[in-house]
Amino acid sequence: MKAVTATEAKARFGDCLDQARTEAVAINRNGKTVVVMVPSDEYERLQALDDTFWALQARMAEKEGYLGPEAAMKFIESKM
C-alpha cells in the first residue's frame, strides 16, 4: 500500500485518485494513517462482507433467544 502525507495528497489529489483506482493509498497526518483510499469495487466488496457478517450475527443471536425484528415489533405493539 502506498502512503502519502496529507499535504502531499492535497497537492497531488488527482495522482492519488489515479493510484487509488488500482491499490489502496494511505494518507498520513502527523505520522499516523488517518484515511485509506481504496478502489470503489474494493469498498463495495468490503461493505458486502460487513453486511454478511452482521446478518450472520443477527441470525445467531435469534437462535440464542434474542428477538428478531418482527417479534420485537409485535412485543412492543403488545405493550402499547
N, C-alpha and C. Protein backbone atom coordinates (compact mmCIF):
# COMPACT_ATOMS: atom_id res chain seq x y z
N MET A 1 0.86 -1.17 0.00
CA MET A 1 0.00 0.00 0.00
C MET A 1 0.90 1.23 0.00
N LYS A 2 0.60 2.13 -0.90
CA LYS A 2 1.35 3.38 -0.98
C LYS A 2 0.87 4.31 0.14
N ALA A 3 1.77 5.08 0.70
CA ALA A 3 1.43 6.03 1.75
C ALA A 3 1.93 7.42 1.36
N VAL A 4 1.10 8.42 1.61
CA VAL A 4 1.47 9.81 1.36
C VAL A 4 1.04 10.64 2.55
N THR A 5 1.67 11.79 2.72
CA THR A 5 1.24 12.71 3.77
C THR A 5 -0.02 13.43 3.31
N ALA A 6 -0.74 14.00 4.26
CA ALA A 6 -1.96 14.75 3.93
C ALA A 6 -1.61 15.93 3.03
N THR A 7 -0.50 16.58 3.29
CA THR A 7 -0.07 17.71 2.47
C THR A 7 0.20 17.27 1.04
N GLU A 8 0.89 16.15 0.90
CA GLU A 8 1.18 15.61 -0.43
C GLU A 8 -0.11 15.20 -1.14
N ALA A 9 -1.03 14.58 -0.41
CA ALA A 9 -2.31 14.17 -1.01
C ALA A 9 -3.10 15.39 -1.49
N LYS A 10 -3.06 16.46 -0.73
CA LYS A 10 -3.77 17.68 -1.13
C LYS A 10 -3.14 18.26 -2.39
N ALA A 11 -1.83 18.29 -2.43
CA ALA A 11 -1.13 18.88 -3.58
C ALA A 11 -1.25 18.01 -4.83
N ARG A 12 -1.36 16.69 -4.64
CA ARG A 12 -1.38 15.77 -5.77
C ARG A 12 -2.63 14.89 -5.74
N PHE A 13 -3.78 15.50 -5.46
CA PHE A 13 -5.02 14.75 -5.27
C PHE A 13 -5.37 13.90 -6.49
N GLY A 14 -5.25 14.46 -7.67
CA GLY A 14 -5.54 13.71 -8.89
C GLY A 14 -4.66 12.48 -9.03
N ASP A 15 -3.38 12.63 -8.72
CA ASP A 15 -2.46 11.48 -8.77
C ASP A 15 -2.85 10.42 -7.75
N CYS A 16 -3.26 10.87 -6.56
CA CYS A 16 -3.69 9.92 -5.51
C CYS A 16 -4.94 9.16 -5.96
N LEU A 17 -5.88 9.88 -6.59
CA LEU A 17 -7.08 9.21 -7.10
C LEU A 17 -6.72 8.17 -8.15
N ASP A 18 -5.84 8.53 -9.06
CA ASP A 18 -5.42 7.58 -10.08
C ASP A 18 -4.77 6.35 -9.46
N GLN A 19 -3.91 6.57 -8.48
CA GLN A 19 -3.23 5.46 -7.80
C GLN A 19 -4.23 4.59 -7.04
N ALA A 20 -5.21 5.23 -6.40
CA ALA A 20 -6.19 4.50 -5.58
C ALA A 20 -7.14 3.65 -6.42
N ARG A 21 -7.19 3.89 -7.71
CA ARG A 21 -8.03 3.05 -8.57
C ARG A 21 -7.48 1.63 -8.67
N THR A 22 -6.19 1.46 -8.45
CA THR A 22 -5.58 0.13 -8.59
C THR A 22 -5.07 -0.46 -7.29
N GLU A 23 -4.82 0.38 -6.30
CA GLU A 23 -4.36 -0.11 -4.99
C GLU A 23 -4.68 0.91 -3.92
N ALA A 24 -4.71 0.46 -2.70
CA ALA A 24 -5.02 1.35 -1.58
C ALA A 24 -3.92 2.40 -1.42
N VAL A 25 -4.34 3.60 -1.02
CA VAL A 25 -3.40 4.69 -0.74
C VAL A 25 -3.70 5.19 0.67
N ALA A 26 -2.71 5.08 1.55
CA ALA A 26 -2.85 5.56 2.92
C ALA A 26 -2.48 7.04 2.96
N ILE A 27 -3.28 7.82 3.64
CA ILE A 27 -2.98 9.24 3.82
C ILE A 27 -2.67 9.46 5.29
N ASN A 28 -1.47 9.94 5.53
CA ASN A 28 -0.96 10.09 6.89
C ASN A 28 -0.94 11.55 7.32
N ARG A 29 -1.25 11.75 8.60
CA ARG A 29 -1.13 13.07 9.22
C ARG A 29 -0.42 12.87 10.54
N ASN A 30 0.60 13.67 10.76
CA ASN A 30 1.40 13.57 11.98
C ASN A 30 1.92 12.14 12.21
N GLY A 31 2.31 11.49 11.11
CA GLY A 31 2.91 10.17 11.21
C GLY A 31 1.94 9.03 11.39
N LYS A 32 0.63 9.30 11.39
CA LYS A 32 -0.36 8.24 11.58
C LYS A 32 -1.31 8.20 10.38
N THR A 33 -1.69 6.99 9.97
CA THR A 33 -2.65 6.84 8.89
C THR A 33 -4.02 7.27 9.40
N VAL A 34 -4.63 8.22 8.70
CA VAL A 34 -5.95 8.71 9.10
C VAL A 34 -7.03 8.31 8.10
N VAL A 35 -6.65 8.06 6.86
CA VAL A 35 -7.60 7.69 5.81
C VAL A 35 -6.90 6.74 4.85
N VAL A 36 -7.68 5.79 4.34
CA VAL A 36 -7.17 4.92 3.28
C VAL A 36 -8.13 5.02 2.11
N MET A 37 -7.61 5.41 0.97
CA MET A 37 -8.40 5.47 -0.26
C MET A 37 -8.28 4.11 -0.94
N VAL A 38 -9.43 3.53 -1.28
CA VAL A 38 -9.44 2.22 -1.94
C VAL A 38 -10.29 2.32 -3.21
N PRO A 39 -10.05 1.41 -4.17
CA PRO A 39 -10.89 1.40 -5.36
C PRO A 39 -12.34 1.15 -4.96
N SER A 40 -13.28 1.73 -5.71
CA SER A 40 -14.69 1.62 -5.35
C SER A 40 -15.17 0.17 -5.33
N ASP A 41 -14.66 -0.68 -6.22
CA ASP A 41 -15.10 -2.08 -6.20
C ASP A 41 -14.61 -2.80 -4.95
N GLU A 42 -13.45 -2.41 -4.45
CA GLU A 42 -12.95 -3.00 -3.20
C GLU A 42 -13.81 -2.52 -2.03
N TYR A 43 -14.19 -1.26 -2.02
CA TYR A 43 -15.06 -0.72 -0.98
C TYR A 43 -16.40 -1.47 -0.97
N GLU A 44 -16.97 -1.67 -2.16
CA GLU A 44 -18.24 -2.39 -2.25
C GLU A 44 -18.10 -3.83 -1.76
N ARG A 45 -16.97 -4.48 -2.08
CA ARG A 45 -16.73 -5.84 -1.62
C ARG A 45 -16.66 -5.87 -0.09
N LEU A 46 -15.96 -4.91 0.49
CA LEU A 46 -15.85 -4.85 1.95
C LEU A 46 -17.19 -4.57 2.60
N GLN A 47 -18.01 -3.71 2.00
CA GLN A 47 -19.34 -3.43 2.53
C GLN A 47 -20.20 -4.68 2.50
N ALA A 48 -20.15 -5.42 1.40
CA ALA A 48 -20.93 -6.65 1.29
C ALA A 48 -20.48 -7.67 2.34
N LEU A 49 -19.18 -7.76 2.56
CA LEU A 49 -18.64 -8.67 3.57
C LEU A 49 -19.12 -8.26 4.96
N ASP A 50 -19.11 -6.97 5.24
CA ASP A 50 -19.58 -6.46 6.52
C ASP A 50 -21.07 -6.75 6.71
N ASP A 51 -21.87 -6.52 5.67
CA ASP A 51 -23.30 -6.80 5.74
C ASP A 51 -23.55 -8.28 6.02
N THR A 52 -22.81 -9.15 5.35
CA THR A 52 -22.95 -10.59 5.55
C THR A 52 -22.60 -10.97 6.98
N PHE A 53 -21.52 -10.40 7.49
CA PHE A 53 -21.10 -10.69 8.86
C PHE A 53 -22.20 -10.32 9.86
N TRP A 54 -22.76 -9.11 9.73
CA TRP A 54 -23.77 -8.67 10.70
C TRP A 54 -25.08 -9.42 10.55
N ALA A 55 -25.41 -9.82 9.33
CA ALA A 55 -26.61 -10.64 9.14
C ALA A 55 -26.43 -11.98 9.84
N LEU A 56 -25.26 -12.56 9.73
CA LEU A 56 -24.96 -13.82 10.40
C LEU A 56 -25.02 -13.65 11.92
N GLN A 57 -24.48 -12.55 12.42
CA GLN A 57 -24.54 -12.28 13.86
C GLN A 57 -25.98 -12.18 14.33
N ALA A 58 -26.84 -11.54 13.56
CA ALA A 58 -28.25 -11.40 13.93
C ALA A 58 -28.94 -12.76 13.95
N ARG A 59 -28.67 -13.59 12.94
CA ARG A 59 -29.27 -14.93 12.91
C ARG A 59 -28.82 -15.76 14.10
N MET A 60 -27.54 -15.68 14.45
CA MET A 60 -27.03 -16.42 15.60
C MET A 60 -27.67 -15.93 16.89
N ALA A 61 -27.87 -14.62 17.00
CA ALA A 61 -28.49 -14.06 18.20
C ALA A 61 -29.93 -14.54 18.33
N GLU A 62 -30.65 -14.58 17.22
CA GLU A 62 -32.04 -15.07 17.26
C GLU A 62 -32.08 -16.52 17.74
N LYS A 63 -31.13 -17.34 17.28
CA LYS A 63 -31.09 -18.74 17.71
C LYS A 63 -30.81 -18.86 19.20
N GLU A 64 -30.11 -17.86 19.75
CA GLU A 64 -29.78 -17.88 21.18
C GLU A 64 -30.87 -17.26 22.03
N GLY A 65 -31.99 -16.86 21.41
CA GLY A 65 -33.11 -16.37 22.18
C GLY A 65 -33.41 -14.90 22.07
N TYR A 66 -32.58 -14.15 21.37
CA TYR A 66 -32.89 -12.74 21.18
C TYR A 66 -34.03 -12.60 20.19
N LEU A 67 -34.85 -11.60 20.38
CA LEU A 67 -35.98 -11.38 19.48
C LEU A 67 -35.50 -10.87 18.13
N GLY A 68 -36.11 -11.36 17.08
CA GLY A 68 -35.85 -10.83 15.74
C GLY A 68 -36.65 -9.56 15.54
N PRO A 69 -36.51 -8.91 14.40
CA PRO A 69 -37.21 -7.64 14.19
C PRO A 69 -38.73 -7.76 14.24
N GLU A 70 -39.28 -8.83 13.65
CA GLU A 70 -40.74 -8.98 13.65
C GLU A 70 -41.25 -9.25 15.06
N ALA A 71 -40.59 -10.16 15.76
CA ALA A 71 -41.01 -10.49 17.12
C ALA A 71 -40.86 -9.29 18.04
N ALA A 72 -39.81 -8.51 17.85
CA ALA A 72 -39.60 -7.32 18.68
C ALA A 72 -40.72 -6.31 18.45
N MET A 73 -41.12 -6.14 17.20
CA MET A 73 -42.19 -5.19 16.88
C MET A 73 -43.50 -5.66 17.48
N LYS A 74 -43.79 -6.94 17.40
CA LYS A 74 -45.03 -7.47 17.99
C LYS A 74 -45.01 -7.27 19.50
N PHE A 75 -43.88 -7.50 20.12
CA PHE A 75 -43.76 -7.32 21.56
C PHE A 75 -44.01 -5.87 21.95
N ILE A 76 -43.40 -4.95 21.22
CA ILE A 76 -43.58 -3.53 21.51
C ILE A 76 -45.03 -3.12 21.32
N GLU A 77 -45.64 -3.57 20.24
CA GLU A 77 -47.03 -3.24 19.98
C GLU A 77 -47.96 -3.79 21.05
N SER A 78 -47.64 -4.97 21.57
CA SER A 78 -48.50 -5.57 22.60
C SER A 78 -48.43 -4.79 23.91
N LYS A 79 -47.37 -4.04 24.12
CA LYS A 79 -47.19 -3.28 25.35
C LYS A 79 -47.78 -1.88 25.25
N MET A 80 -48.22 -1.49 24.07
CA MET A 80 -48.74 -0.12 23.87
C MET A 80 -50.23 -0.07 24.11
